[in-house]
C-alpha atoms as a PDB file:
ATOM      1  CA  UNK A   1      -8.601  -2.980 -17.547  1.00  0.00           C
ATOM      2  CA  UNK A   2      -8.683   0.807 -17.323  1.00  0.00           C
ATOM      3  CA  UNK A   3      -5.794   2.783 -15.859  1.00  0.00           C
ATOM      4  CA  UNK A   4      -7.163   3.697 -12.449  1.00  0.00           C
ATOM      5  CA  UNK A   5      -4.075   5.539 -11.213  1.00  0.00           C
ATOM      6  CA  UNK A   6      -1.715   7.637 -13.346  1.00  0.00           C
ATOM      7  CA  UNK A   7       1.535   9.283 -12.320  1.00  0.00           C
ATOM      8  CA  UNK A   8       3.062  11.538 -14.968  1.00  0.00           C
ATOM      9  CA  UNK A   9       6.527  13.063 -14.701  1.00  0.00           C
ATOM     10  CA  UNK A  10       6.591  12.808 -10.910  1.00  0.00           C
ATOM     11  CA  UNK A  11       9.610  14.364  -9.232  1.00  0.00           C
ATOM     12  CA  UNK A  12       9.996  15.122  -5.561  1.00  0.00           C
ATOM     13  CA  UNK A  13      12.722  16.850  -3.650  1.00  0.00           C
ATOM     14  CA  UNK A  14      13.373  17.205   0.091  1.00  0.00           C
ATOM     15  CA  UNK A  15      15.642  20.243   0.436  1.00  0.00           C
ATOM     16  CA  UNK A  16      18.566  19.351  -1.871  1.00  0.00           C
ATOM     17  CA  UNK A  17      17.853  15.605  -2.089  1.00  0.00           C
ATOM     18  CA  UNK A  18      15.819  14.439  -5.089  1.00  0.00           C
ATOM     19  CA  UNK A  19      13.832  11.460  -3.842  1.00  0.00           C
ATOM     20  CA  UNK A  20      11.800  10.704  -6.996  1.00  0.00           C
ATOM     21  CA  UNK A  21      13.115  11.291 -10.505  1.00  0.00           C
ATOM     22  CA  UNK A  22      10.642  11.619 -13.412  1.00  0.00           C
ATOM     23  CA  UNK A  23       8.408   8.643 -12.584  1.00  0.00           C
ATOM     24  CA  UNK A  24       5.639   7.688 -15.033  1.00  0.00           C
ATOM     25  CA  UNK A  25       3.340   4.922 -13.846  1.00  0.00           C
ATOM     26  CA  UNK A  26      -0.119   3.594 -14.714  1.00  0.00           C
ATOM     27  CA  UNK A  27      -1.971   1.095 -12.510  1.00  0.00           C
ATOM     28  CA  UNK A  28      -5.133  -0.675 -13.754  1.00  0.00           C
ATOM     29  CA  UNK A  29      -8.271  -0.931 -11.675  1.00  0.00           C
ATOM     30  CA  UNK A  30      -8.647  -4.093  -9.623  1.00  0.00           C
ATOM     31  CA  UNK A  31      -4.950  -4.982  -9.491  1.00  0.00           C
ATOM     32  CA  UNK A  32      -2.831  -5.927  -6.521  1.00  0.00           C
ATOM     33  CA  UNK A  33       0.160  -3.786  -7.458  1.00  0.00           C
ATOM     34  CA  UNK A  34       3.525  -3.829  -5.701  1.00  0.00           C
ATOM     35  CA  UNK A  35       6.137  -1.106  -5.291  1.00  0.00           C
ATOM     36  CA  UNK A  36       9.357  -3.012  -4.642  1.00  0.00           C
ATOM     37  CA  UNK A  37      12.599  -1.457  -3.518  1.00  0.00           C
ATOM     38  CA  UNK A  38      15.028  -1.062  -0.625  1.00  0.00           C
ATOM     39  CA  UNK A  39      14.705   1.560   2.107  1.00  0.00           C
ATOM     40  CA  UNK A  40      15.289   5.014   0.641  1.00  0.00           C
ATOM     41  CA  UNK A  41      14.207   4.069  -2.883  1.00  0.00           C
ATOM     42  CA  UNK A  42      11.179   6.408  -2.811  1.00  0.00           C
ATOM     43  CA  UNK A  43       8.305   3.976  -2.143  1.00  0.00           C
ATOM     44  CA  UNK A  44       6.758   5.795   0.818  1.00  0.00           C
ATOM     45  CA  UNK A  45       7.183   9.188  -0.837  1.00  0.00           C
ATOM     46  CA  UNK A  46       5.395   7.866  -3.926  1.00  0.00           C
ATOM     47  CA  UNK A  47       2.337   6.570  -2.061  1.00  0.00           C
ATOM     48  CA  UNK A  48       2.090   9.786  -0.024  1.00  0.00           C
ATOM     49  CA  UNK A  49       2.081  11.745  -3.286  1.00  0.00           C
ATOM     50  CA  UNK A  50      -0.585   9.416  -4.698  1.00  0.00           C
ATOM     51  CA  UNK A  51      -3.029  10.196  -1.892  1.00  0.00           C
ATOM     52  CA  UNK A  52      -2.158  13.875  -1.580  1.00  0.00           C
ATOM     53  CA  UNK A  53      -0.228  13.847   1.706  1.00  0.00           C
ATOM     54  CA  UNK A  54       2.703  15.314  -0.258  1.00  0.00           C
ATOM     55  CA  UNK A  55       2.642  17.589  -3.283  1.00  0.00           C
ATOM     56  CA  UNK A  56       5.194  16.571  -5.921  1.00  0.00           C
ATOM     57  CA  UNK A  57       7.871  19.071  -6.900  1.00  0.00           C
ATOM     58  CA  UNK A  58       6.886  18.348 -10.508  1.00  0.00           C
ATOM     59  CA  UNK A  59       4.306  16.181 -12.255  1.00  0.00           C
ATOM     60  CA  UNK A  60       0.681  15.170 -11.728  1.00  0.00           C
ATOM     61  CA  UNK A  61      -1.259  12.292 -10.158  1.00  0.00           C
ATOM     62  CA  UNK A  62      -4.801  11.286 -11.049  1.00  0.00           C
ATOM     63  CA  UNK A  63      -7.038   8.617  -9.540  1.00  0.00           C
ATOM     64  CA  UNK A  64     -10.106   7.538 -11.498  1.00  0.00           C
ATOM     65  CA  UNK A  65      -9.604  10.523 -13.848  1.00  0.00           C
ATOM     66  CA  UNK A  66      -9.555  12.987 -10.932  1.00  0.00           C
ATOM     67  CA  UNK A  67      -6.381  14.980 -10.308  1.00  0.00           C
ATOM     68  CA  UNK A  68      -4.988  14.640  -6.798  1.00  0.00           C
ATOM     69  CA  UNK A  69      -5.176  15.951  -4.177  1.00  0.00           C
ATOM     70  CA  UNK A  70      -8.961  15.597  -4.180  1.00  0.00           C
ATOM     71  CA  UNK A  71     -11.149  15.382  -1.079  1.00  0.00           C
ATOM     72  CA  UNK A  72     -13.713  13.343  -3.006  1.00  0.00           C
ATOM     73  CA  UNK A  73     -11.132  10.729  -4.008  1.00  0.00           C
ATOM     74  CA  UNK A  74      -9.515  10.751  -0.568  1.00  0.00           C
ATOM     75  CA  UNK A  75     -12.826   9.529   0.858  1.00  0.00           C
ATOM     76  CA  UNK A  76     -12.502   6.448  -1.375  1.00  0.00           C
ATOM     77  CA  UNK A  77      -8.953   5.580  -0.225  1.00  0.00           C
ATOM     78  CA  UNK A  78      -7.877   3.404   2.679  1.00  0.00           C
ATOM     79  CA  UNK A  79      -4.302   4.145   3.762  1.00  0.00           C
ATOM     80  CA  UNK A  80      -2.202   2.067   6.129  1.00  0.00           C
ATOM     81  CA  UNK A  81       1.055   3.761   7.086  1.00  0.00           C
ATOM     82  CA  UNK A  82       4.244   2.010   8.218  1.00  0.00           C
ATOM     83  CA  UNK A  83       3.638   3.042  11.830  1.00  0.00           C
ATOM     84  CA  UNK A  84       0.430   2.033  13.610  1.00  0.00           C
ATOM     85  CA  UNK A  85      -1.600   5.152  14.505  1.00  0.00           C
ATOM     86  CA  UNK A  86      -3.740   3.450  17.156  1.00  0.00           C
ATOM     87  CA  UNK A  87      -4.762   4.115  20.773  1.00  0.00           C
ATOM     88  CA  UNK A  88      -3.232   1.539  23.139  1.00  0.00           C
ATOM     89  CA  UNK A  89      -5.457   2.446  26.089  1.00  0.00           C
ATOM     90  CA  UNK A  90      -8.630   1.740  24.085  1.00  0.00           C
ATOM     91  CA  UNK A  91     -10.051  -1.634  23.127  1.00  0.00           C
ATOM     92  CA  UNK A  92      -9.992  -2.855  19.570  1.00  0.00           C
ATOM     93  CA  UNK A  93     -13.705  -2.099  19.239  1.00  0.00           C
ATOM     94  CA  UNK A  94     -13.274   1.412  20.639  1.00  0.00           C
ATOM     95  CA  UNK A  95     -10.436   2.088  18.198  1.00  0.00           C
ATOM     96  CA  UNK A  96     -12.558   0.974  15.255  1.00  0.00           C
ATOM     97  CA  UNK A  97     -15.604   2.932  16.451  1.00  0.00           C
ATOM     98  CA  UNK A  98     -13.478   6.072  16.847  1.00  0.00           C
ATOM     99  CA  UNK A  99     -12.075   5.815  13.307  1.00  0.00           C
ATOM    100  CA  UNK A 100     -15.542   4.995  11.953  1.00  0.00           C
ATOM    101  CA  UNK A 101     -16.734   8.325  13.369  1.00  0.00           C
ATOM    102  CA  UNK A 102     -13.723  10.083  11.770  1.00  0.00           C
ATOM    103  CA  UNK A 103     -14.683   8.539   8.413  1.00  0.00           C
ATOM    104  CA  UNK A 104     -18.233   9.855   8.867  1.00  0.00           C
ATOM    105  CA  UNK A 105     -19.866   6.430   8.909  1.00  0.00           C
ATOM    106  CA  UNK A 106     -23.441   6.883  10.245  1.00  0.00           C
ATOM    107  CA  UNK A 107     -23.976   5.654  13.821  1.00  0.00           C
ATOM    108  CA  UNK A 108     -26.563   3.079  12.775  1.00  0.00           C
ATOM    109  CA  UNK A 109     -24.007   1.453  10.439  1.00  0.00           C
ATOM    110  CA  UNK A 110     -20.933   1.552  12.676  1.00  0.00           C
ATOM    111  CA  UNK A 111     -21.423  -1.698  14.584  1.00  0.00           C
ATOM    112  CA  UNK A 112     -21.887  -3.660  11.356  1.00  0.00           C
ATOM    113  CA  UNK A 113     -18.872  -1.977   9.705  1.00  0.00           C
ATOM    114  CA  UNK A 114     -16.673  -2.599  12.770  1.00  0.00           C
ATOM    115  CA  UNK A 115     -17.616  -6.278  12.850  1.00  0.00           C
ATOM    116  CA  UNK A 116     -17.147  -6.592   9.089  1.00  0.00           C
ATOM    117  CA  UNK A 117     -13.640  -5.068   9.129  1.00  0.00           C
ATOM    118  CA  UNK A 118     -12.611  -7.103  12.186  1.00  0.00           C
ATOM    119  CA  UNK A 119     -13.838 -10.317  10.566  1.00  0.00           C
ATOM    120  CA  UNK A 120     -11.744  -9.718   7.422  1.00  0.00           C
ATOM    121  CA  UNK A 121      -8.549  -9.570   9.521  1.00  0.00           C
ATOM    122  CA  UNK A 122      -9.613 -12.277  12.023  1.00  0.00           C
ATOM    123  CA  UNK A 123      -9.800 -10.021  15.087  1.00  0.00           C
ATOM    124  CA  UNK A 124     -13.447 -10.513  16.135  1.00  0.00           C
ATOM    125  CA  UNK A 125     -12.438 -12.504  19.216  1.00  0.00           C
ATOM    126  CA  UNK A 126     -10.075  -9.762  20.405  1.00  0.00           C
ATOM    127  CA  UNK A 127     -12.167  -6.614  20.074  1.00  0.00           C
ATOM    128  CA  UNK A 128     -12.772  -6.270  23.837  1.00  0.00           C
ATOM    129  CA  UNK A 129      -9.047  -6.294  24.684  1.00  0.00           C
ATOM    130  CA  UNK A 130      -7.124  -3.044  25.010  1.00  0.00           C
ATOM    131  CA  UNK A 131      -4.443  -2.655  22.355  1.00  0.00           C
ATOM    132  CA  UNK A 132      -1.698  -2.658  24.977  1.00  0.00           C
ATOM    133  CA  UNK A 133      -2.375  -6.408  25.138  1.00  0.00           C
ATOM    134  CA  UNK A 134      -2.154  -6.864  21.350  1.00  0.00           C
ATOM    135  CA  UNK A 135       0.937  -8.362  19.745  1.00  0.00           C
ATOM    136  CA  UNK A 136       2.741  -6.451  17.000  1.00  0.00           C
ATOM    137  CA  UNK A 137       1.061  -8.609  14.374  1.00  0.00           C
ATOM    138  CA  UNK A 138      -2.392  -7.998  15.842  1.00  0.00           C
ATOM    139  CA  UNK A 139      -1.780  -4.241  15.776  1.00  0.00           C
ATOM    140  CA  UNK A 140      -0.842  -4.405  12.088  1.00  0.00           C
ATOM    141  CA  UNK A 141      -4.064  -6.302  11.402  1.00  0.00           C
ATOM    142  CA  UNK A 142      -5.991  -3.703  13.402  1.00  0.00           C
ATOM    143  CA  UNK A 143      -4.429  -0.948  11.266  1.00  0.00           C
ATOM    144  CA  UNK A 144      -5.609  -2.835   8.181  1.00  0.00           C
ATOM    145  CA  UNK A 145      -9.108  -3.104   9.652  1.00  0.00           C
ATOM    146  CA  UNK A 146      -9.137   0.681  10.233  1.00  0.00           C
ATOM    147  CA  UNK A 147      -8.185   1.260   6.591  1.00  0.00           C
ATOM    148  CA  UNK A 148     -11.062  -1.002   5.474  1.00  0.00           C
ATOM    149  CA  UNK A 149     -13.850   0.519   7.608  1.00  0.00           C
ATOM    150  CA  UNK A 150     -15.243   2.825   4.922  1.00  0.00           C
ATOM    151  CA  UNK A 151     -15.062   0.150   2.183  1.00  0.00           C
ATOM    152  CA  UNK A 152     -12.486   1.974   0.062  1.00  0.00           C
ATOM    153  CA  UNK A 153     -12.192   1.411  -3.676  1.00  0.00           C
ATOM    154  CA  UNK A 154      -8.411   1.897  -3.335  1.00  0.00           C
ATOM    155  CA  UNK A 155      -6.316   0.439  -0.526  1.00  0.00           C
ATOM    156  CA  UNK A 156      -2.720   1.644  -0.109  1.00  0.00           C
ATOM    157  CA  UNK A 157      -0.519  -0.269   2.330  1.00  0.00           C
ATOM    158  CA  UNK A 158       2.982   0.887   3.230  1.00  0.00           C
ATOM    159  CA  UNK A 159       5.090  -2.096   4.375  1.00  0.00           C
ATOM    160  CA  UNK A 160       2.044  -3.796   6.005  1.00  0.00           C
ATOM    161  CA  UNK A 161       3.893  -6.938   7.125  1.00  0.00           C
ATOM    162  CA  UNK A 162       7.157  -5.441   8.410  1.00  0.00           C
ATOM    163  CA  UNK A 163       8.216  -7.108  11.660  1.00  0.00           C
ATOM    164  CA  UNK A 164       5.519  -9.780  11.447  1.00  0.00           C
ATOM    165  CA  UNK A 165       6.203 -13.508  11.722  1.00  0.00           C
ATOM    166  CA  UNK A 166       5.709 -15.714   8.623  1.00  0.00           C
ATOM    167  CA  UNK A 167       2.428 -17.252   9.808  1.00  0.00           C
ATOM    168  CA  UNK A 168       0.780 -13.870  10.366  1.00  0.00           C
ATOM    169  CA  UNK A 169       2.274 -12.561   7.124  1.00  0.00           C
ATOM    170  CA  UNK A 170       0.596 -15.398   5.232  1.00  0.00           C
ATOM    171  CA  UNK A 171      -2.686 -14.595   7.006  1.00  0.00           C
ATOM    172  CA  UNK A 172      -2.536 -10.926   5.981  1.00  0.00           C
ATOM    173  CA  UNK A 173      -1.822 -11.863   2.366  1.00  0.00           C
ATOM    174  CA  UNK A 174      -4.825 -14.189   2.408  1.00  0.00           C
ATOM    175  CA  UNK A 175      -6.878 -11.217   3.630  1.00  0.00           C
ATOM    176  CA  UNK A 176      -5.528  -9.004   0.841  1.00  0.00           C
ATOM    177  CA  UNK A 177      -6.436 -11.508  -1.867  1.00  0.00           C
ATOM    178  CA  UNK A 178      -9.953 -11.704  -0.411  1.00  0.00           C
ATOM    179  CA  UNK A 179     -10.259  -7.895  -0.436  1.00  0.00           C
ATOM    180  CA  UNK A 180      -8.994  -7.727  -4.025  1.00  0.00           C
ATOM    181  CA  UNK A 181     -11.485 -10.385  -5.104  1.00  0.00           C
ATOM    182  CA  UNK A 182     -14.262  -8.126  -3.774  1.00  0.00           C
ATOM    183  CA  UNK A 183     -13.180  -5.437  -6.270  1.00  0.00           C
ATOM    184  CA  UNK A 184     -10.721  -3.256  -4.368  1.00  0.00           C
ATOM    185  CA  UNK A 185      -7.562  -1.983  -6.076  1.00  0.00           C
ATOM    186  CA  UNK A 186      -4.574  -2.545  -3.770  1.00  0.00           C
ATOM    187  CA  UNK A 187      -1.134  -0.956  -3.797  1.00  0.00           C
ATOM    188  CA  UNK A 188       1.473  -2.358  -1.456  1.00  0.00           C
ATOM    189  CA  UNK A 189       5.040  -1.257  -0.786  1.00  0.00           C
ATOM    190  CA  UNK A 190       7.515  -3.938   0.176  1.00  0.00           C
ATOM    191  CA  UNK A 191      11.172  -4.900   0.157  1.00  0.00           C
ATOM    192  CA  UNK A 192      10.352  -8.605   0.678  1.00  0.00           C
ATOM    193  CA  UNK A 193      10.944 -10.621  -2.482  1.00  0.00           C
ATOM    194  CA  UNK A 194       8.503 -13.463  -1.809  1.00  0.00           C
ATOM    195  CA  UNK A 195       5.730 -10.912  -1.214  1.00  0.00           C
ATOM    196  CA  UNK A 196       6.548  -9.286  -4.542  1.00  0.00           C
ATOM    197  CA  UNK A 197       5.849 -12.642  -6.229  1.00  0.00           C
ATOM    198  CA  UNK A 198       2.239 -12.459  -4.996  1.00  0.00           C
ATOM    199  CA  UNK A 199       1.503  -9.168  -6.800  1.00  0.00           C
ATOM    200  CA  UNK A 200      -0.180  -8.972 -10.215  1.00  0.00           C
ATOM    201  CA  UNK A 201       2.342  -6.348 -11.336  1.00  0.00           C
ATOM    202  CA  UNK A 202       5.395  -4.653  -9.863  1.00  0.00           C
ATOM    203  CA  UNK A 203       7.244  -1.390 -10.229  1.00  0.00           C
ATOM    204  CA  UNK A 204      10.898  -1.766  -9.222  1.00  0.00           C
ATOM    205  CA  UNK A 205      12.302   1.355  -7.536  1.00  0.00           C
ATOM    206  CA  UNK A 206      15.912   2.218  -6.897  1.00  0.00           C
ATOM    207  CA  UNK A 207      17.399   5.573  -5.872  1.00  0.00           C
ATOM    208  CA  UNK A 208      14.238   7.412  -6.900  1.00  0.00           C
ATOM    209  CA  UNK A 209      14.052   5.862 -10.378  1.00  0.00           C
ATOM    210  CA  UNK A 210      11.500   3.324 -11.605  1.00  0.00           C
ATOM    211  CA  UNK A 211      13.901   0.842 -13.166  1.00  0.00           C
ATOM    212  CA  UNK A 212      11.338  -1.690 -14.451  1.00  0.00           C
ATOM    213  CA  UNK A 213       7.616  -2.546 -14.478  1.00  0.00           C
ATOM    214  CA  UNK A 214       5.717  -5.736 -15.257  1.00  0.00           C
ATOM    215  CA  UNK A 215       4.309  -8.927 -13.802  1.00  0.00           C
ATOM    216  CA  UNK A 216       6.723 -11.050 -11.758  1.00  0.00           C
ATOM    217  CA  UNK A 217       6.836 -13.570 -14.632  1.00  0.00           C
ATOM    218  CA  UNK A 218       7.534 -10.851 -17.220  1.00  0.00           C
ATOM    219  CA  UNK A 219      10.312  -9.292 -15.156  1.00  0.00           C
ATOM    220  CA  UNK A 220      12.020 -12.647 -14.682  1.00  0.00           C
ATOM    221  CA  UNK A 221      11.676 -13.450 -18.368  1.00  0.00           C
ATOM    222  CA  UNK A 222      13.063 -10.074 -19.504  1.00  0.00           C
ATOM    223  CA  UNK A 223      16.027 -10.378 -17.151  1.00  0.00           C
ATOM    224  CA  UNK A 224      16.568 -14.090 -17.863  1.00  0.00           C
ATOM    225  CA  UNK A 225      16.555 -14.794 -14.129  1.00  0.00           C
ATOM    226  CA  UNK A 226      14.634 -17.232 -11.935  1.00  0.00           C
ATOM    227  CA  UNK A 227      13.819 -14.907  -9.036  1.00  0.00           C
ATOM    228  CA  UNK A 228      12.490 -11.384  -8.476  1.00  0.00           C
ATOM    229  CA  UNK A 229      15.675 -10.638  -6.544  1.00  0.00           C
ATOM    230  CA  UNK A 230      17.698 -11.632  -9.610  1.00  0.00           C
ATOM    231  CA  UNK A 231      15.487  -9.470 -11.822  1.00  0.00           C
ATOM    232  CA  UNK A 232      15.900  -6.514  -9.469  1.00  0.00           C
ATOM    233  CA  UNK A 233      19.688  -6.832  -9.557  1.00  0.00           C
ATOM    234  CA  UNK A 234      19.629  -7.126 -13.358  1.00  0.00           C
ATOM    235  CA  UNK A 235      17.514  -4.009 -13.908  1.00  0.00           C
ATOM    236  CA  UNK A 236      19.443  -2.161 -11.207  1.00  0.00           C
ATOM    237  CA  UNK A 237      22.698  -2.739 -13.071  1.00  0.00           C
ATOM    238  CA  UNK A 238      21.086  -1.611 -16.342  1.00  0.00           C
ATOM    239  CA  UNK A 239      19.919   1.600 -14.670  1.00  0.00           C
ATOM    240  CA  UNK A 240      23.412   2.270 -13.269  1.00  0.00           C
ATOM    241  CA  UNK A 241      24.898   1.927 -16.753  1.00  0.00           C
ATOM    242  CA  UNK A 242      22.316   4.345 -18.237  1.00  0.00           C
ATOM    243  CA  UNK A 243      22.872   6.918 -15.482  1.00  0.00           C
ATOM    244  CA  UNK A 244      26.646   6.526 -15.672  1.00  0.00           C
END
């Protein structure tokens, strides 16, 4: 597999606080890749730098051999933020049609694209309801549908299942595996250990450092632990010793 995304020497600073510290990362095409770490570890900052919403203080990002930010590449990315940017007074269909127009999807294709995206996240039966009548889980699935409308080659999801019950969480992960199988590269940020197990590869982040990278099985083997949580604690201690 080719390296689809490359981060080289990425550093980022907000005022006096350094949020990311010399991160080098390569992500192959077609992977479901996880960024795992607690709140404040730099996950959201990293994905915003990847898609060009933030410029790094130092370092470069490229996607498919194109340096970011790039308008051309941005058109191939679906991004789902932590907070749902939806319109509660509109129906699900109206929300999707509005975002389809923002993406520049031709009018003659919009109905098919809306139905396609809604089907992937199992919302077809709820498209005529206004979003004020959607549950929190349904709104997260609607945000995922919005990110899928333009059939992106790269899907970046920032904490997509936060606050969602286990049944809905399992449903969203089933959707993600289906999307990956169709050829989309997916990057997900999470602090949930059982979700991390479902990723092909992980980058473990702590205090702005990438402390380890590998498949869940590799990370557990290298740390001689039985869980991703145990591996995270092991590599976190190693990083503290190096920094100290």
